[in-house]
Amino acid sequence: MTKTRLSLYDTTLRDGQQTQGVQFSTAEKQAIATTLDQLGIDYIEGGWPGANPTDSAFFDAAPETRARLTAFGMTKRAGRSAENDDVLAAVMNAGTSSICLVGKTNIFHVETALGITAQENLENISASIAHIVKQGREALFDAEHFFDGYARDPAYTLDCLKAAHDAGARWIVLCDTNGGTLPHRIAEVISDVIAAGIPGERLGIHTHNDTENAVAGSLAAVDAGARQIQGTLNGLGERCGNANLTSLIPTLLLKEPYASRYATGVTAQALEGITMASRQLDEILNRVPMKQSAYVGASAFAHKAGLHASAIVKDPTTYEHIDPAKVGNARIIPMSNQAGQSNLRNRLAEAGLEIEKDNPALPRILEEVKTRENRGYTYDMAQASFELVARRELGLLPEFFEVKRYKVTVERRKNKYNKMVSLSEAVVVVKVDGEKKLSVSESMDETGTDRGPVNALAQALAKDLGRYQDAIADMRLVDFKVRITQGGTEAVTRVIIDSEDGQGRRWSTVGVSANIVDASFEALLDAINWKLLCDGGEV
């Protein structure tokens, strides 16, 4: 059976930039566009040229892509021709082969927001699209507030679509701008639109996630006949975000009936890079990836309960809806107080430790993990710390060095500019190969910014480990999370530290104490010991 082609349109570089706290540089937009192109996206919307310097700079130095790079703008304003509208001209001057214009389709917005007549708005749509087509460009029309407009005045909303269609728009994209339309209603309305004479092969869908239904609404639109899907990586977008392409794309390729009925520009091989694409975007935004994200999250294929893990070892399909490798992700069997020996042996095997079922150390490790979790530790995500606990019980953990003492001081004072600043200093004494080594480090970085006492500790601890120094030279702390696990005067602080090295490995360690600095130091120690275990291993 010949598959129907679906078009994938990414708006991360524009809609994604409307996310609160997100602002891409030109270089970052170029990197994201390259990643999207490698993934197999059909259209990459680069932004609104002329609206801000970054978007204009991006189009001036846009990367070469197989995907159709698209400039975004709005229909011409009333009272002037398309040829003499400077805002539309800036979009046209971006030089892209495809141009997407947003226009009003809700009569309420036409009369209230724009303050023009219904007929003037129809003329704006028609003339703008015709102007693009006349210049040999591909025209796309984003029908803003379409579903709300259809609920208010179906006839006028359809007239807007017909104006774009008759003027030559290749794609007419129905936008649920407020994000409040539910999937079943999206399907009903799209069926009405097709029945009114707008062919499905020229219809697209653009949903927002205000009811947590953006992905479901997009799929409902495809079911009803739409053939283009607009969305963003990781669901970026204003308010609650846009339809998440990192969820939609795997669903289209791996789930029925979509996998059998439809084809996209994303190959099975390219799909294996979608987890990396998702995490690359988070890295650019300096965000911690959401662990529970479908398909690409670190916890998407994590199996905590002992019963689950036991079944997973026998056959992964018992608790996994797809093979995680198909989306470039990996299975995780975390350790916790819900774990059984199946979890334990599987996790040890992943660390390269094949332990027999009757090994007497197994129940000791389980007991130690459960005891520690009662004290506030967690090993769900701190897998490196778990491995150290297990190796210690198995007698397989070398003592690379010994910490004799450490001290941290925090001072607040006025600098030479009479401004109050804080400065931390850490002193760490370690014993390596029988020799004591004292290291001192401040928290101030090269820009003169105070990075805090934990940073000072990390710098001092890693400053001089003798013959192990080269093994930790490429190691850096990339995330630091603190949680209070008990309240009141007996509060216990849990610190989880994520570390990374030059080989691209990332690992998590945990420390627990009533003192946040002490908990941090314990997690730092585990991080260095795990790194040495992997790379520096000879004692």
Protein backbone atom coordinates (compact mmCIF):
# COMPACT_ATOMS: atom_id res chain seq x y z
CA MET A 1 0.00 0.00 0.00
CA THR A 2 1.34 3.45 -0.94
CA LYS A 3 1.73 5.64 2.10
CA THR A 4 0.33 9.17 2.25
CA ARG A 5 3.01 11.80 2.74
CA LEU A 6 2.78 13.97 5.84
CA SER A 7 4.69 17.25 5.96
CA LEU A 8 6.50 18.20 9.19
CA TYR A 9 6.92 21.91 9.89
CA ASP A 10 9.09 23.04 12.80
CA THR A 11 8.53 26.41 14.49
CA THR A 12 11.08 26.08 17.31
CA LEU A 13 13.11 29.06 16.10
CA ARG A 14 10.07 31.36 16.22
CA ASP A 15 7.29 29.92 18.41
CA GLY A 16 9.90 28.33 20.65
CA GLN A 17 11.54 31.71 21.14
CA GLN A 18 8.24 33.02 22.52
CA THR A 19 8.69 30.73 25.54
CA GLN A 20 9.18 32.69 28.73
CA GLY A 21 12.92 32.85 29.47
CA VAL A 22 14.03 31.67 26.01
CA GLN A 23 16.13 33.86 23.72
CA PHE A 24 18.24 32.24 21.00
CA SER A 25 21.40 33.79 19.64
CA THR A 26 21.99 33.68 15.89
CA ALA A 27 24.61 30.93 16.32
CA GLU A 28 22.21 28.88 18.43
CA LYS A 29 19.48 29.21 15.81
CA GLN A 30 21.92 28.02 13.17
CA ALA A 31 22.85 24.97 15.28
CA ILE A 32 19.20 24.08 15.93
CA ALA A 33 18.34 24.44 12.24
CA THR A 34 21.15 22.05 11.31
CA THR A 35 19.90 19.50 13.85
CA LEU A 36 16.32 19.77 12.55
CA ASP A 37 17.55 19.28 9.01
CA GLN A 38 19.50 16.16 9.98
CA LEU A 39 16.37 14.83 11.64
CA GLY A 40 14.41 15.10 8.39
CA ILE A 41 12.03 17.99 9.04
CA ASP A 42 10.42 19.31 5.83
CA TYR A 43 10.08 22.98 6.80
CA ILE A 44 12.16 25.01 9.25
CA GLU A 45 10.63 28.33 10.20
CA GLY A 46 13.58 30.59 10.94
CA GLY A 47 11.76 33.51 12.49
CA TRP A 48 10.29 36.87 11.54
CA PRO A 49 12.85 38.88 9.52
CA GLY A 50 12.67 42.56 10.36
CA ALA A 51 10.96 41.94 13.69
CA ASN A 52 14.23 41.72 15.63
CA PRO A 53 17.98 41.80 14.87
CA THR A 54 18.57 38.13 15.71
CA ASP A 55 15.99 36.83 13.23
CA SER A 56 17.27 39.14 10.50
CA ALA A 57 20.87 38.03 11.17
CA PHE A 58 19.82 34.40 10.99
CA PHE A 59 18.38 34.78 7.49
CA ASP A 60 21.46 36.72 6.41
CA ALA A 61 23.65 33.75 7.40
CA ALA A 62 21.21 30.83 7.23
CA PRO A 63 22.75 27.35 7.00
CA GLU A 64 22.33 25.28 3.85
CA THR A 65 19.48 22.84 4.47
CA ARG A 66 17.62 20.16 2.60
CA ALA A 67 14.52 21.37 4.45
CA ARG A 68 12.66 24.36 3.09
CA LEU A 69 13.77 27.32 5.18
CA THR A 70 10.74 29.51 5.79
CA ALA A 71 10.39 33.17 6.73
CA PHE A 72 7.40 34.15 8.87
CA GLY A 73 5.41 37.38 8.79
CA MET A 74 1.90 38.78 8.64
CA THR A 75 -0.48 39.69 5.85
CA LYS A 76 -0.30 43.21 4.52
CA ARG A 77 -1.97 46.01 6.40
CA ALA A 78 -5.20 47.59 5.22
CA GLY A 79 -4.92 50.80 3.21
CA ARG A 80 -1.77 49.85 1.29
CA SER A 81 -0.84 47.40 -1.42
CA ALA A 82 1.14 44.23 -0.84
CA GLU A 83 3.95 45.71 -2.95
CA ASN A 84 4.19 48.79 -0.70
CA ASP A 85 3.90 47.21 2.74
CA ASP A 86 7.32 47.57 4.41
CA VAL A 87 6.64 44.83 7.00
CA LEU A 88 5.73 42.33 4.28
CA ALA A 89 8.72 43.53 2.23
CA ALA A 90 11.13 42.64 5.06
CA VAL A 91 9.78 39.08 5.04
CA MET A 92 10.07 38.82 1.28
CA ASN A 93 13.62 40.19 1.37
CA ALA A 94 14.76 37.26 3.52
CA GLY A 95 15.04 35.40 0.23
CA THR A 96 13.51 32.10 1.36
CA SER A 97 11.70 29.89 -1.11
CA SER A 98 8.79 29.50 1.31
CA ILE A 99 6.98 32.23 3.21
CA CYS A 100 4.37 31.74 5.93
CA LEU A 101 2.01 34.62 6.69
CA VAL A 102 -0.31 34.77 9.67
CA GLY A 103 -3.71 36.37 9.18
CA LYS A 104 -6.86 36.88 11.20
CA THR A 105 -9.73 34.47 10.61
CA ASN A 106 -11.83 35.25 13.69
CA ILE A 107 -14.27 38.09 12.94
CA PHE A 108 -14.01 39.22 16.55
CA HIS A 109 -10.26 39.81 16.16
CA VAL A 110 -10.72 41.40 12.74
CA GLU A 111 -13.13 44.02 14.01
CA THR A 112 -11.76 44.46 17.55
CA ALA A 113 -7.99 43.93 17.30
CA LEU A 114 -7.39 45.14 13.73
CA GLY A 115 -10.28 47.60 13.60
CA ILE A 116 -11.04 46.88 9.95
CA THR A 117 -13.99 45.46 8.07
CA ALA A 118 -14.50 41.79 7.27
CA GLN A 119 -14.04 42.52 3.55
CA GLU A 120 -10.80 44.46 4.09
CA ASN A 121 -9.35 41.49 5.97
CA LEU A 122 -10.27 39.11 3.13
CA GLU A 123 -8.55 41.43 0.67
CA ASN A 124 -5.45 41.57 2.87
CA ILE A 125 -5.22 37.76 2.87
CA SER A 126 -5.83 37.36 -0.83
CA ALA A 127 -3.47 40.12 -1.97
CA SER A 128 -0.65 39.02 0.34
CA ILE A 129 -0.73 35.39 -0.75
CA ALA A 130 -1.04 36.37 -4.41
CA HIS A 131 2.01 38.66 -4.03
CA ILE A 132 4.13 35.75 -2.74
CA VAL A 133 2.97 33.39 -5.47
CA LYS A 134 3.57 36.01 -8.17
CA GLN A 135 7.23 36.11 -7.17
CA GLY A 136 7.57 32.36 -7.58
CA ARG A 137 7.62 31.61 -3.86
CA GLU A 138 5.67 28.97 -1.96
CA ALA A 139 2.98 30.56 0.21
CA LEU A 140 1.69 29.21 3.53
CA PHE A 141 -1.18 30.84 5.40
CA ASP A 142 -1.46 30.49 9.20
CA ALA A 143 -5.15 30.97 10.01
CA GLU A 144 -4.84 32.57 13.43
CA HIS A 145 -7.53 31.83 16.04
CA PHE A 146 -9.18 29.62 13.45
CA PHE A 147 -11.05 27.25 15.75
CA ASP A 148 -12.37 30.04 17.99
CA GLY A 149 -13.37 31.95 14.88
CA TYR A 150 -15.15 28.93 13.45
CA ALA A 151 -17.15 28.57 16.65
CA ARG A 152 -18.20 32.23 16.41
CA ASP A 153 -18.84 32.60 12.66
CA PRO A 154 -18.14 29.49 10.54
CA ALA A 155 -19.06 31.13 7.23
CA TYR A 156 -16.63 34.04 7.60
CA THR A 157 -13.83 31.82 8.84
CA LEU A 158 -14.24 29.60 5.78
CA ASP A 159 -14.26 32.69 3.56
CA CYS A 160 -10.80 33.55 4.95
CA LEU A 161 -9.50 30.10 4.10
CA LYS A 162 -10.97 30.27 0.60
CA ALA A 163 -9.32 33.66 0.06
CA ALA A 164 -5.91 32.13 0.80
CA HIS A 165 -6.68 28.98 -1.19
CA ASP A 166 -7.91 30.83 -4.29
CA ALA A 167 -4.88 33.16 -4.18
CA GLY A 168 -2.58 30.13 -4.46
CA ALA A 169 -1.54 29.17 -0.92
CA ARG A 170 0.18 25.77 -0.93
CA TRP A 171 -0.64 25.18 2.73
CA ILE A 172 -3.48 26.57 4.81
CA VAL A 173 -2.68 25.95 8.45
CA LEU A 174 -5.52 25.86 10.97
CA CYS A 175 -4.26 27.35 14.24
CA ASP A 176 -5.69 26.63 17.66
CA THR A 177 -4.02 29.80 18.89
CA ASN A 178 -5.54 29.80 22.38
CA GLY A 179 -4.98 26.07 22.82
CA GLY A 180 -8.45 25.36 24.12
CA THR A 181 -9.97 23.19 21.38
CA LEU A 182 -10.19 19.50 22.25
CA PRO A 183 -9.11 16.77 19.79
CA HIS A 184 -12.57 15.52 18.87
CA ARG A 185 -13.65 19.06 17.96
CA ILE A 186 -10.51 19.61 15.87
CA ALA A 187 -11.37 16.50 13.87
CA GLU A 188 -14.99 17.62 13.37
CA VAL A 189 -14.02 21.09 12.18
CA ILE A 190 -11.36 19.83 9.77
CA SER A 191 -13.91 17.46 8.26
CA ASP A 192 -16.21 20.48 7.75
CA VAL A 193 -13.41 22.46 6.11
CA ILE A 194 -12.63 19.66 3.66
CA ALA A 195 -16.32 19.28 2.88
CA ALA A 196 -16.46 23.02 2.18
CA GLY A 197 -13.91 22.63 -0.62
CA ILE A 198 -10.45 23.07 0.93
CA PRO A 199 -8.59 19.82 0.10
CA GLY A 200 -6.92 17.97 2.97
CA GLU A 201 -3.63 17.73 1.10
CA ARG A 202 -3.36 21.51 1.48
CA LEU A 203 -4.37 21.66 5.15
CA GLY A 204 -2.05 21.90 8.12
CA ILE A 205 -2.58 21.92 11.90
CA HIS A 206 -0.96 24.16 14.51
CA THR A 207 -1.94 23.38 18.10
CA HIS A 208 -1.00 24.80 21.50
CA ASN A 209 -0.83 22.78 24.68
CA ASP A 210 -3.04 24.74 27.06
CA THR A 211 -5.20 21.68 27.79
CA GLU A 212 -2.29 19.18 27.47
CA ASN A 213 -3.86 18.04 24.20
CA ALA A 214 -1.58 19.55 21.54
CA VAL A 215 -0.17 16.20 20.41
CA ALA A 216 -3.58 14.50 20.54
CA GLY A 217 -5.12 17.41 18.63
CA SER A 218 -2.47 17.16 15.92
CA LEU A 219 -3.09 13.43 15.51
CA ALA A 220 -6.84 14.03 15.40
CA ALA A 221 -6.26 16.53 12.59
CA VAL A 222 -4.30 13.94 10.61
CA ASP A 223 -7.06 11.41 11.17
CA ALA A 224 -9.54 13.93 9.76
CA GLY A 225 -7.47 14.62 6.66
CA ALA A 226 -4.88 17.33 7.40
CA ARG A 227 -1.49 16.60 5.86
CA GLN A 228 0.89 19.02 7.56
CA ILE A 229 1.78 19.16 11.26
CA GLN A 230 3.41 22.18 12.86
CA GLY A 231 5.20 21.89 16.18
CA THR A 232 8.37 22.51 18.15
CA LEU A 233 11.16 20.46 19.67
CA ASN A 234 10.42 19.62 23.32
CA GLY A 235 7.07 21.41 22.98
CA LEU A 236 8.56 24.89 23.38
CA GLY A 237 6.16 27.78 22.92
CA GLU A 238 4.39 30.59 24.71
CA ARG A 239 2.19 29.82 27.72
CA CYS A 240 2.00 26.01 27.90
CA GLY A 241 3.88 25.39 24.66
CA ASN A 242 3.19 24.00 21.20
CA ALA A 243 2.67 20.47 19.89
CA ASN A 244 5.78 18.51 20.84
CA LEU A 245 7.54 17.06 17.79
CA THR A 246 9.69 14.80 19.95
CA SER A 247 6.45 13.02 20.88
CA LEU A 248 4.66 13.34 17.56
CA ILE A 249 7.42 12.11 15.27
CA PRO A 250 8.05 8.77 17.05
CA THR A 251 4.31 8.21 17.27
CA LEU A 252 3.91 8.76 13.52
CA LEU A 253 6.77 6.38 12.70
CA LEU A 254 6.24 3.67 15.32
CA LYS A 255 2.54 3.56 16.19
CA GLU A 256 -0.40 2.21 14.22
CA PRO A 257 -2.29 3.16 12.20
CA TYR A 258 0.12 6.03 11.43
CA ALA A 259 3.19 3.90 10.76
CA SER A 260 1.38 1.95 8.02
CA ARG A 261 -0.60 4.78 6.50
CA TYR A 262 1.79 7.72 6.45
CA ALA A 263 5.33 8.57 5.42
CA THR A 264 7.44 11.52 6.64
CA GLY A 265 10.88 12.86 5.84
CA VAL A 266 12.23 11.24 9.01
CA THR A 267 13.90 7.88 8.39
CA ALA A 268 14.21 5.09 10.95
CA GLN A 269 17.92 5.87 11.19
CA ALA A 270 17.30 9.59 11.70
CA LEU A 271 14.71 8.80 14.38
CA GLU A 272 17.52 7.32 16.49
CA GLY A 273 18.85 10.87 16.81
CA ILE A 274 15.69 12.43 18.23
CA THR A 275 16.72 11.96 21.87
CA MET A 276 20.02 13.66 21.12
CA ALA A 277 18.20 16.51 19.34
CA SER A 278 15.93 16.99 22.34
CA ARG A 279 18.81 17.10 24.79
CA GLN A 280 20.89 19.34 22.55
CA LEU A 281 18.11 21.93 22.67
CA ASP A 282 17.99 21.70 26.47
CA GLU A 283 21.76 22.12 26.58
CA ILE A 284 21.54 25.27 24.42
CA LEU A 285 18.84 26.63 26.74
CA ASN A 286 20.84 25.61 29.83
CA ARG A 287 17.86 23.58 31.03
CA VAL A 288 17.79 20.25 32.80
CA PRO A 289 16.00 17.80 30.44
CA MET A 290 12.56 16.73 31.66
CA LYS A 291 13.07 13.13 32.75
CA GLN A 292 9.42 12.14 32.21
CA SER A 293 9.24 13.30 28.58
CA ALA A 294 7.69 10.66 26.32
CA TYR A 295 10.18 8.71 24.20
CA VAL A 296 13.21 10.95 24.88
CA GLY A 297 13.17 11.47 28.66
CA ALA A 298 15.76 9.82 30.89
CA SER A 299 12.92 8.09 32.77
CA ALA A 300 10.91 7.13 29.68
CA PHE A 301 12.25 3.58 29.92
CA ALA A 302 13.14 3.42 33.63
CA HIS A 303 11.71 0.47 35.57
CA LYS A 304 11.78 0.94 39.32
CA ALA A 305 9.51 -1.69 40.85
CA GLY A 306 11.05 -5.13 41.40
CA LEU A 307 8.18 -6.97 39.68
CA HIS A 308 8.54 -4.79 36.58
CA ALA A 309 12.31 -5.18 36.44
CA SER A 310 12.11 -8.94 36.80
CA ALA A 311 9.78 -9.12 33.81
CA ILE A 312 11.88 -6.66 31.79
CA VAL A 313 14.93 -8.90 32.15
CA LYS A 314 12.93 -11.80 30.68
CA ASP A 315 11.28 -9.80 27.89
CA PRO A 316 11.45 -5.99 27.59
CA THR A 317 8.10 -5.81 25.82
CA THR A 318 6.35 -6.72 29.08
CA TYR A 319 6.67 -3.10 30.27
CA GLU A 320 7.97 -1.18 27.24
CA HIS A 321 5.78 0.02 24.39
CA ILE A 322 8.77 0.38 22.01
CA ASP A 323 12.44 -0.52 21.89
CA PRO A 324 14.15 2.57 23.40
CA ALA A 325 17.01 2.24 20.91
CA LYS A 326 14.63 3.22 18.10
CA VAL A 327 14.52 6.76 19.47
CA GLY A 328 18.13 6.82 20.65
CA ASN A 329 17.20 6.32 24.30
CA ALA A 330 18.20 3.61 26.78
CA ARG A 331 16.61 1.36 29.36
CA ILE A 332 17.31 2.14 33.03
CA ILE A 333 16.76 -0.16 36.01
CA PRO A 334 17.16 2.25 38.94
CA MET A 335 17.84 1.11 42.47
CA SER A 336 15.42 2.04 45.23
CA ASN A 337 13.70 0.66 48.30
CA GLN A 338 11.16 -0.97 45.95
CA ALA A 339 13.91 -2.96 44.27
CA GLY A 340 14.38 -6.69 44.32
CA GLN A 341 17.32 -8.88 43.37
CA SER A 342 16.30 -8.85 39.70
CA ASN A 343 16.79 -5.06 39.61
CA LEU A 344 20.01 -5.38 41.53
CA ARG A 345 21.63 -8.04 39.36
CA ASN A 346 20.53 -6.30 36.18
CA ARG A 347 21.94 -2.96 37.35
CA LEU A 348 25.19 -4.61 38.39
CA ALA A 349 25.43 -6.29 35.01
CA GLU A 350 25.08 -2.89 33.33
CA ALA A 351 28.07 -1.77 35.40
CA GLY A 352 30.04 -4.79 34.16
CA LEU A 353 29.54 -6.87 37.30
CA GLU A 354 28.10 -10.31 36.67
CA ILE A 355 27.02 -11.57 40.11
CA GLU A 356 25.58 -15.04 40.75
CA LYS A 357 22.12 -15.31 42.31
CA ASP A 358 23.43 -16.94 45.48
CA ASN A 359 26.14 -14.36 46.14
CA PRO A 360 25.76 -13.44 49.86
CA ALA A 361 26.61 -9.81 49.07
CA LEU A 362 23.32 -9.30 47.19
CA PRO A 363 21.03 -9.15 50.23
CA ARG A 364 23.60 -6.94 51.99
CA ILE A 365 23.55 -4.49 49.11
CA LEU A 366 19.76 -4.42 49.06
CA GLU A 367 19.63 -3.83 52.80
CA GLU A 368 22.23 -1.08 52.58
CA VAL A 369 20.31 0.68 49.80
CA LYS A 370 17.05 0.52 51.74
CA THR A 371 18.70 1.70 54.95
CA ARG A 372 20.26 4.63 53.18
CA GLU A 373 16.99 5.59 51.51
CA ASN A 374 15.36 5.68 54.93
CA ARG A 375 18.01 8.25 55.85
CA GLY A 376 17.17 10.41 52.83
CA TYR A 377 19.32 9.03 50.02
CA THR A 378 17.82 8.24 46.63
CA TYR A 379 19.35 6.02 43.98
CA ASP A 380 16.65 6.33 41.32
CA MET A 381 18.78 8.77 39.36
CA ALA A 382 22.08 8.68 41.28
CA GLN A 383 23.24 5.52 39.55
CA ALA A 384 26.94 6.25 40.02
CA SER A 385 26.53 6.46 43.79
CA PHE A 386 24.59 3.21 43.76
CA GLU A 387 27.42 1.48 41.90
CA LEU A 388 29.91 2.67 44.52
CA VAL A 389 27.71 1.34 47.34
CA ALA A 390 27.44 -2.02 45.60
CA ARG A 391 31.16 -2.27 44.86
CA ARG A 392 31.97 -1.44 48.45
CA GLU A 393 29.85 -4.35 49.67
CA LEU A 394 31.37 -6.62 47.02
CA GLY A 395 34.89 -5.63 48.03
CA LEU A 396 35.50 -4.22 44.56
CA LEU A 397 35.96 -0.52 45.35
CA PRO A 398 39.58 0.65 45.45
CA GLU A 399 40.57 3.45 47.81
CA PHE A 400 42.18 5.90 45.43
CA PHE A 401 42.67 8.60 48.05
CA GLU A 402 41.56 9.50 51.56
CA VAL A 403 40.06 12.82 52.63
CA LYS A 404 41.63 13.83 55.93
CA ARG A 405 39.70 17.06 56.39
CA TYR A 406 38.08 19.97 54.63
CA LYS A 407 37.01 23.48 55.58
CA VAL A 408 34.84 26.08 53.85
CA THR A 409 34.58 29.74 54.78
CA VAL A 410 32.14 32.27 53.36
CA GLU A 411 32.88 35.96 53.62
CA ARG A 412 30.71 38.94 52.67
CA ARG A 413 32.53 42.22 52.21
CA LYS A 414 32.72 45.41 50.15
CA ASN A 415 34.97 45.36 47.10
CA LYS A 416 36.99 48.24 45.70
CA TYR A 417 33.87 49.58 44.02
CA ASN A 418 32.11 49.78 47.42
CA LYS A 419 29.74 46.98 46.37
CA MET A 420 28.84 44.13 48.70
CA VAL A 421 30.14 40.81 47.37
CA SER A 422 30.45 37.29 48.75
CA LEU A 423 33.48 35.05 48.47
CA SER A 424 33.93 31.42 49.48
CA GLU A 425 37.21 29.67 50.14
CA ALA A 426 37.71 25.94 50.54
CA VAL A 427 40.62 23.98 52.00
CA VAL A 428 40.84 20.23 51.35
CA VAL A 429 43.48 17.86 52.67
CA VAL A 430 43.74 14.46 50.98
CA LYS A 431 46.14 11.58 51.36
CA VAL A 432 47.34 9.98 48.12
CA ASP A 433 49.94 7.18 48.10
CA GLY A 434 50.80 7.95 51.72
CA GLU A 435 51.42 11.65 51.02
CA LYS A 436 49.21 14.44 52.38
CA LYS A 437 48.25 17.16 49.93
CA LEU A 438 46.61 20.45 50.89
CA SER A 439 44.67 22.38 48.25
CA VAL A 440 43.00 25.77 48.50
CA SER A 441 40.50 27.25 46.08
CA GLU A 442 38.27 30.31 45.91
CA SER A 443 34.76 30.50 44.46
CA MET A 444 35.50 33.46 42.18
CA ASP A 445 35.53 32.59 38.49
CA GLU A 446 37.49 34.24 35.69
CA THR A 447 34.77 36.87 35.23
CA GLY A 448 34.92 37.90 38.89
CA THR A 449 31.62 36.20 39.72
CA ASP A 450 31.19 34.28 42.97
CA ARG A 451 30.28 30.66 42.18
CA GLY A 452 29.57 29.68 45.79
CA PRO A 453 31.03 27.35 48.43
CA VAL A 454 30.25 24.10 46.61
CA ASN A 455 32.14 25.29 43.57
CA ALA A 456 35.09 26.24 45.76
CA LEU A 457 35.00 22.77 47.33
CA ALA A 458 34.85 21.07 43.94
CA GLN A 459 37.82 23.09 42.71
CA ALA A 460 39.89 22.37 45.81
CA LEU A 461 39.07 18.66 45.85
CA ALA A 462 40.06 18.25 42.21
CA LYS A 463 43.14 20.46 42.41
CA ASP A 464 45.78 17.89 43.36
CA LEU A 465 45.08 14.16 43.42
CA GLY A 466 48.63 13.17 42.55
CA ARG A 467 48.85 10.47 39.91
CA TYR A 468 45.06 10.54 39.44
CA GLN A 469 44.98 14.18 38.35
CA ASP A 470 45.05 13.49 34.62
CA ALA A 471 42.10 11.10 34.93
CA ILE A 472 39.79 13.85 36.23
CA ALA A 473 41.11 16.70 34.09
CA ASP A 474 38.16 16.55 31.65
CA MET A 475 35.51 16.28 34.37
CA ARG A 476 33.08 19.09 35.14
CA LEU A 477 30.00 19.67 37.29
CA VAL A 478 26.96 20.39 35.10
CA ASP A 479 23.99 20.39 37.48
CA PHE A 480 23.36 20.72 41.20
CA LYS A 481 20.03 19.93 42.85
CA VAL A 482 19.09 20.37 46.51
CA ARG A 483 16.08 19.00 48.36
CA ILE A 484 15.07 19.09 52.02
CA THR A 485 13.78 15.60 52.86
CA GLN A 486 12.51 16.28 56.36
CA GLY A 487 11.05 19.38 57.96
CA GLY A 488 11.59 21.16 61.26
CA THR A 489 14.72 21.04 63.38
CA GLU A 490 15.64 17.57 62.08
CA ALA A 491 15.74 18.67 58.43
CA VAL A 492 17.96 16.55 56.20
CA THR A 493 19.43 17.94 52.98
CA ARG A 494 19.82 15.77 49.90
CA VAL A 495 22.13 16.96 47.15
CA ILE A 496 22.33 15.38 43.69
CA ILE A 497 25.18 16.39 41.43
CA ASP A 498 25.39 15.68 37.71
CA SER A 499 28.90 15.47 36.26
CA GLU A 500 30.17 15.16 32.71
CA ASP A 501 33.49 14.37 31.06
CA GLY A 502 35.19 14.87 27.73
CA GLN A 503 33.96 11.50 26.47
CA GLY A 504 30.35 12.66 26.72
CA ARG A 505 29.55 10.53 29.76
CA ARG A 506 27.15 11.99 32.29
CA TRP A 507 26.63 10.54 35.75
CA SER A 508 24.76 11.45 38.93
CA THR A 509 25.80 11.14 42.55
CA VAL A 510 24.03 11.81 45.84
CA GLY A 511 24.99 13.08 49.26
CA VAL A 512 22.87 13.45 52.40
CA SER A 513 23.54 15.45 55.56
CA ALA A 514 21.95 17.97 57.87
CA ASN A 515 24.55 20.35 56.42
CA ILE A 516 24.18 21.31 52.76
CA VAL A 517 27.92 21.75 52.28
CA ASP A 518 28.64 18.33 53.78
CA ALA A 519 25.98 16.69 51.61
CA SER A 520 27.50 18.41 48.58
CA PHE A 521 30.99 17.23 49.48
CA GLU A 522 29.80 13.63 49.75
CA ALA A 523 28.24 13.83 46.28
CA LEU A 524 31.41 15.41 44.90
CA LEU A 525 33.51 12.61 46.40
CA ASP A 526 31.31 9.98 44.77
CA ALA A 527 31.53 11.78 41.45
CA ILE A 528 35.32 11.76 41.46
CA ASN A 529 35.57 8.18 42.69
CA TRP A 530 33.24 6.97 39.95
CA LYS A 531 35.25 8.81 37.33
CA LEU A 532 38.48 7.27 38.68
CA LEU A 533 36.86 3.86 38.71
CA CYS A 534 36.12 4.24 35.01
CA ASP A 535 39.29 5.95 33.85
CA GLY A 536 41.89 6.02 36.54
CA GLY A 537 41.33 2.62 38.02
CA GLU A 538 44.76 1.39 39.11
CA VAL A 539 45.70 1.70 42.78
